[in-house]
Amino acid sequence: MWHMVARTVRGRLLFSSWVAGREVWNVVVRVVPAPEALCVMPDHLHVVAATDARRALAQALAGLARSRNAREGRRGALVRPLAHAHPIADAQKLRRTLRYVHLNPNRARLVSDPLDWPFSTHRDALGLTWNRVGPRRRVGFHEYVSCDPSVAVSGTELPGGALRTKDPMDVLVAVSSVLRLPMDRLGRDPLARSVVWEACGVLCPTTMVELASRLGIGERTLRRRRHVPAELLALVQRVLGDPRFGPVDGHSLLGVKGWGRYRAAWEEHRP
């Protein structure tokens, strides 16, 4: 196994909204499709994989930089050269490395629980995402990670699920979270809008008119639905209402508690 780290150049961020974070996540997953662990942070990312993927990762991030530069009217690199990859020699060191990677957002004081961070494979390891990235971990993995002092010495609970909700928006947020799909794309994605409709039928009965309005689509589009696996509906219900599973949206995170240093670096070097 290899532990690779990519860090941004001074004054650049990999993302400052969850939608932009999803863009980085997708770029990395395309070139390292089955990582042991992955965590995308605002100014760096960690990848643990079975092969040394630095070259492919560097090329993918260079492509992302070109795209970002064209949109933002900037020039130059986004990340520093990926000079080192750390070999992981034994199972115990791998276990500690996985824990370290998944705790990055907590130790940076960006979140209070590793489940809060959508662009880490911690949720995937626990079976709490639909299109899982990386392997599923054994029972007890969340306790092992979350009992760190940066979270809670006794660890934190897994989501317990909800039987009902009064607000259809809670369902939209849960679907966005488990699919890692931006809120404004739920209505345009056949599977996502089908999940929303089916989940609302069970958890928050609402009219087709209201739900179509919430999704920003017409009723005719909402009627075009796909089969929804029962496992996916159960997953939506499991995370429903859990504040750690928020929406993937495009709002800036630079004003959120813990993001001050990233905002300062961005403002100092913005074009």
Protein backbone atom coordinates (compact mmCIF):
# COMPACT_ATOMS: atom_id res chain seq x y z
CA MET A 1 0.00 0.00 0.00
CA TRP A 2 1.04 3.58 -0.68
CA HIS A 3 0.06 6.76 1.13
CA MET A 4 0.11 9.77 -1.22
CA VAL A 5 -0.46 13.41 -0.33
CA ALA A 6 -1.11 16.29 -2.74
CA ARG A 7 -0.89 19.84 -1.35
CA THR A 8 -2.02 23.04 -3.02
CA VAL A 9 0.37 25.83 -3.89
CA ARG A 10 0.25 28.93 -1.72
CA GLY A 11 -2.99 30.84 -2.06
CA ARG A 12 -4.95 28.10 -3.85
CA LEU A 13 -7.72 25.91 -2.50
CA LEU A 14 -8.95 22.60 -3.83
CA PHE A 15 -12.47 23.69 -2.92
CA SER A 16 -14.47 26.18 -0.87
CA SER A 17 -17.93 24.68 -1.45
CA TRP A 18 -19.19 21.10 -1.35
CA VAL A 19 -20.00 21.21 -5.07
CA ALA A 20 -16.38 22.15 -5.85
CA GLY A 21 -15.23 19.45 -3.42
CA ARG A 22 -17.26 16.90 -5.36
CA GLU A 23 -15.44 17.95 -8.53
CA VAL A 24 -12.08 17.18 -6.92
CA TRP A 25 -13.41 13.93 -5.46
CA ASN A 26 -14.59 12.74 -8.87
CA VAL A 27 -11.27 13.61 -10.51
CA VAL A 28 -9.33 11.56 -7.95
CA VAL A 29 -11.74 8.61 -8.01
CA ARG A 30 -11.47 8.40 -11.81
CA VAL A 31 -7.71 7.81 -11.65
CA VAL A 32 -7.65 5.88 -8.35
CA PRO A 33 -10.99 4.03 -8.59
CA ALA A 34 -10.58 1.71 -5.61
CA PRO A 35 -8.55 3.48 -2.92
CA GLU A 36 -8.14 2.00 0.53
CA ALA A 37 -8.83 5.50 1.83
CA LEU A 38 -9.36 8.97 0.39
CA CYS A 39 -9.93 12.33 2.04
CA VAL A 40 -10.16 15.61 0.14
CA MET A 41 -9.34 18.59 2.36
CA PRO A 42 -9.54 22.29 1.38
CA ASP A 43 -5.81 22.61 0.72
CA HIS A 44 -4.60 19.02 0.38
CA LEU A 45 -5.75 15.47 -0.14
CA HIS A 46 -4.75 12.03 1.06
CA VAL A 47 -4.94 8.83 -0.98
CA VAL A 48 -4.07 5.34 0.25
CA ALA A 49 -3.94 2.86 -2.63
CA ALA A 50 -2.46 -0.47 -3.64
CA THR A 51 -0.20 1.15 -6.25
CA ASP A 52 1.91 4.26 -6.47
CA ALA A 53 -0.50 6.43 -8.46
CA ARG A 54 1.37 9.72 -8.20
CA ARG A 55 1.86 10.16 -11.93
CA ALA A 56 -1.79 9.58 -12.82
CA LEU A 57 -2.91 11.71 -9.89
CA ALA A 58 -0.59 14.57 -10.85
CA GLN A 59 -1.87 14.52 -14.44
CA ALA A 60 -5.50 14.52 -13.29
CA LEU A 61 -4.93 17.43 -10.91
CA ALA A 62 -3.07 19.35 -13.63
CA GLY A 63 -6.13 18.92 -15.83
CA LEU A 64 -8.32 20.19 -13.00
CA ALA A 65 -6.02 23.21 -12.63
CA ARG A 66 -6.38 24.08 -16.31
CA SER A 67 -10.14 23.87 -16.06
CA ARG A 68 -10.25 25.95 -12.88
CA ASN A 69 -7.84 28.54 -14.30
CA ALA A 70 -9.99 28.98 -17.40
CA ARG A 71 -13.11 29.53 -15.26
CA GLU A 72 -11.44 31.81 -12.72
CA GLY A 73 -9.14 33.78 -15.02
CA ARG A 74 -6.02 32.52 -13.29
CA ARG A 75 -2.72 30.97 -14.29
CA GLY A 76 -0.34 28.49 -12.74
CA ALA A 77 -0.43 25.22 -10.85
CA LEU A 78 -3.08 24.18 -8.36
CA VAL A 79 -0.98 21.62 -6.44
CA ARG A 80 2.69 21.18 -5.67
CA PRO A 81 4.64 18.32 -7.27
CA LEU A 82 3.78 14.97 -5.71
CA ALA A 83 7.32 14.23 -4.64
CA HIS A 84 6.81 11.47 -2.09
CA ALA A 85 4.67 8.39 -1.56
CA HIS A 86 4.98 6.58 1.75
CA PRO A 87 4.96 2.76 1.61
CA ILE A 88 2.83 1.00 4.19
CA ALA A 89 4.52 -2.22 5.17
CA ASP A 90 2.14 -4.01 7.54
CA ALA A 91 -1.52 -4.32 8.53
CA GLN A 92 -1.13 -2.44 11.80
CA LYS A 93 0.45 0.56 10.11
CA LEU A 94 -2.26 0.48 7.44
CA ARG A 95 -4.96 0.55 10.13
CA ARG A 96 -3.34 3.56 11.81
CA THR A 97 -2.97 5.32 8.46
CA LEU A 98 -6.65 4.80 7.59
CA ARG A 99 -7.59 6.28 10.95
CA TYR A 100 -5.26 9.24 10.40
CA VAL A 101 -6.68 9.96 6.94
CA HIS A 102 -10.29 9.81 8.12
CA LEU A 103 -9.55 12.05 11.11
CA ASN A 104 -8.01 14.85 9.04
CA PRO A 105 -11.14 17.06 9.05
CA ASN A 106 -11.53 16.67 12.82
CA ARG A 107 -7.93 17.40 13.65
CA ALA A 108 -8.15 20.50 11.44
CA ARG A 109 -11.20 21.52 13.55
CA LEU A 110 -13.44 21.71 10.51
CA VAL A 111 -15.99 19.20 11.87
CA SER A 112 -16.77 17.49 15.15
CA ASP A 113 -17.32 13.97 13.79
CA PRO A 114 -15.66 12.09 10.89
CA LEU A 115 -19.16 11.36 9.54
CA ASP A 116 -19.65 15.12 9.06
CA TRP A 117 -17.17 15.22 6.17
CA PRO A 118 -18.72 14.16 2.84
CA PHE A 119 -15.48 13.82 0.89
CA SER A 120 -13.79 11.14 2.93
CA THR A 121 -14.15 7.38 2.55
CA HIS A 122 -15.16 7.09 6.20
CA ARG A 123 -18.86 7.04 5.28
CA ASP A 124 -18.13 4.56 2.51
CA ALA A 125 -16.28 2.24 4.87
CA LEU A 126 -19.41 2.10 7.04
CA GLY A 127 -21.83 1.46 4.16
CA LEU A 128 -23.41 4.92 4.43
CA THR A 129 -23.04 5.94 0.77
CA TRP A 130 -24.67 4.43 -2.28
CA ASN A 131 -21.85 4.41 -4.84
CA ARG A 132 -19.24 3.22 -2.38
CA VAL A 133 -15.61 4.23 -2.88
CA GLY A 134 -13.12 1.82 -1.35
CA PRO A 135 -13.77 -1.28 0.77
CA ARG A 136 -16.37 -1.79 3.46
CA ARG A 137 -14.76 -2.05 6.91
CA ARG A 138 -15.55 -4.34 9.81
CA VAL A 139 -17.96 -3.51 12.59
CA GLY A 140 -16.09 -1.40 15.11
CA PHE A 141 -14.16 0.68 12.57
CA HIS A 142 -16.18 3.82 13.34
CA GLU A 143 -15.58 3.37 17.06
CA TYR A 144 -11.85 2.96 16.41
CA VAL A 145 -11.75 6.20 14.38
CA SER A 146 -14.18 8.31 16.39
CA CYS A 147 -12.71 7.58 19.84
CA ASP A 148 -9.86 9.98 19.03
CA PRO A 149 -9.65 13.01 21.39
CA SER A 150 -10.42 15.29 18.41
CA VAL A 151 -13.87 13.65 18.26
CA ALA A 152 -14.98 11.99 21.50
CA VAL A 153 -12.96 9.74 23.81
CA SER A 154 -15.86 7.30 24.01
CA GLY A 155 -16.55 7.48 20.25
CA THR A 156 -19.75 8.54 18.53
CA GLU A 157 -22.89 6.70 17.50
CA LEU A 158 -23.75 5.63 13.98
CA PRO A 159 -26.94 7.12 12.49
CA GLY A 160 -30.04 5.46 13.84
CA GLY A 161 -32.55 6.52 11.21
CA ALA A 162 -35.96 8.18 11.40
CA LEU A 163 -39.44 6.86 10.80
CA ARG A 164 -40.99 10.12 9.65
CA THR A 165 -40.29 13.76 8.91
CA LYS A 166 -42.56 16.76 8.48
CA ASP A 167 -40.42 18.52 5.89
CA PRO A 168 -39.75 17.05 2.40
CA MET A 169 -36.50 19.03 2.38
CA ASP A 170 -35.12 16.58 4.95
CA VAL A 171 -35.57 13.82 2.36
CA LEU A 172 -33.84 15.87 -0.36
CA VAL A 173 -30.89 16.48 1.96
CA ALA A 174 -30.59 12.78 2.83
CA VAL A 175 -30.68 11.78 -0.85
CA SER A 176 -28.07 14.41 -1.74
CA SER A 177 -25.85 13.10 1.04
CA VAL A 178 -25.99 9.37 0.30
CA LEU A 179 -25.59 9.90 -3.47
CA ARG A 180 -23.01 12.72 -3.09
CA LEU A 181 -25.11 14.61 -5.61
CA PRO A 182 -25.59 18.40 -5.56
CA MET A 183 -29.01 19.54 -4.42
CA ASP A 184 -29.66 21.41 -7.66
CA ARG A 185 -29.13 18.21 -9.67
CA LEU A 186 -31.54 15.96 -7.79
CA GLY A 187 -34.43 16.75 -10.12
CA ARG A 188 -32.37 16.19 -13.26
CA ASP A 189 -30.94 12.84 -12.20
CA PRO A 190 -33.39 9.96 -12.89
CA LEU A 191 -32.28 7.84 -9.95
CA ALA A 192 -32.15 10.76 -7.50
CA ARG A 193 -35.63 12.07 -8.29
CA SER A 194 -37.00 8.52 -8.15
CA VAL A 195 -35.46 8.03 -4.71
CA VAL A 196 -36.86 11.36 -3.53
CA TRP A 197 -40.36 10.43 -4.70
CA GLU A 198 -40.28 6.93 -3.20
CA ALA A 199 -38.73 8.09 0.08
CA CYS A 200 -41.25 10.90 0.49
CA GLY A 201 -44.03 8.40 -0.01
CA VAL A 202 -42.79 6.50 3.03
CA LEU A 203 -41.27 9.19 5.22
CA CYS A 204 -43.04 12.43 4.38
CA PRO A 205 -46.15 12.14 2.19
CA THR A 206 -46.43 15.16 -0.10
CA THR A 207 -48.10 16.08 -3.36
CA MET A 208 -46.51 15.71 -6.75
CA VAL A 209 -46.99 19.45 -7.33
CA GLU A 210 -45.08 20.38 -4.16
CA LEU A 211 -42.28 17.88 -4.74
CA ALA A 212 -41.81 18.91 -8.38
CA SER A 213 -41.54 22.51 -7.20
CA ARG A 214 -38.94 21.59 -4.59
CA LEU A 215 -36.90 19.76 -7.22
CA GLY A 216 -37.26 22.58 -9.75
CA ILE A 217 -38.81 20.35 -12.41
CA GLY A 218 -42.20 19.81 -14.02
CA GLU A 219 -44.65 17.12 -12.96
CA ARG A 220 -44.14 15.29 -16.24
CA THR A 221 -40.43 14.96 -15.51
CA LEU A 222 -41.15 13.73 -11.99
CA ARG A 223 -43.35 10.99 -13.40
CA ARG A 224 -40.39 9.61 -15.37
CA ARG A 225 -38.85 7.44 -12.71
CA ARG A 226 -36.52 4.47 -12.34
CA HIS A 227 -36.65 1.43 -10.12
CA VAL A 228 -35.27 2.26 -6.68
CA PRO A 229 -33.46 -0.55 -4.81
CA ALA A 230 -34.86 -1.20 -1.35
CA GLU A 231 -31.34 -0.93 0.06
CA LEU A 232 -31.06 2.64 -1.21
CA LEU A 233 -34.36 3.64 0.37
CA ALA A 234 -33.24 2.10 3.65
CA LEU A 235 -29.99 4.06 3.47
CA VAL A 236 -31.86 7.34 2.95
CA GLN A 237 -34.06 6.55 5.92
CA ARG A 238 -31.04 5.68 8.04
CA VAL A 239 -29.33 9.08 7.62
CA LEU A 240 -32.54 11.12 7.52
CA GLY A 241 -32.43 13.97 10.01
CA ASP A 242 -28.88 13.22 11.18
CA PRO A 243 -27.12 16.64 11.22
CA ARG A 244 -23.84 14.99 10.21
CA PHE A 245 -25.31 14.20 6.79
CA GLY A 246 -25.85 17.60 5.24
CA PRO A 247 -26.54 18.54 1.62
CA VAL A 248 -23.99 18.83 -1.15
CA ASP A 249 -24.48 22.44 -2.23
CA GLY A 250 -22.59 25.33 -3.75
CA HIS A 251 -22.66 27.75 -0.83
CA SER A 252 -19.26 29.09 0.19
CA LEU A 253 -17.76 27.44 3.25
CA LEU A 254 -15.23 30.20 3.84
CA GLY A 255 -17.45 31.82 6.45
CA VAL A 256 -18.05 28.62 8.38
CA LYS A 257 -16.35 28.11 11.74
CA GLY A 258 -12.91 26.60 11.27
CA TRP A 259 -12.46 27.87 7.71
CA GLY A 260 -10.91 31.23 8.66
CA ARG A 261 -7.36 30.34 7.71
CA TYR A 262 -8.48 29.12 4.29
CA ARG A 263 -10.42 32.32 3.69
CA ALA A 264 -7.38 34.40 4.62
CA ALA A 265 -5.11 32.48 2.23
CA TRP A 266 -7.67 32.74 -0.59
CA GLU A 267 -8.25 36.48 -0.13
CA GLU A 268 -4.51 37.19 0.00
CA HIS A 269 -3.89 35.59 -3.39
CA ARG A 270 -7.17 35.86 -5.29
CA PRO A 271 -6.82 37.30 -8.80
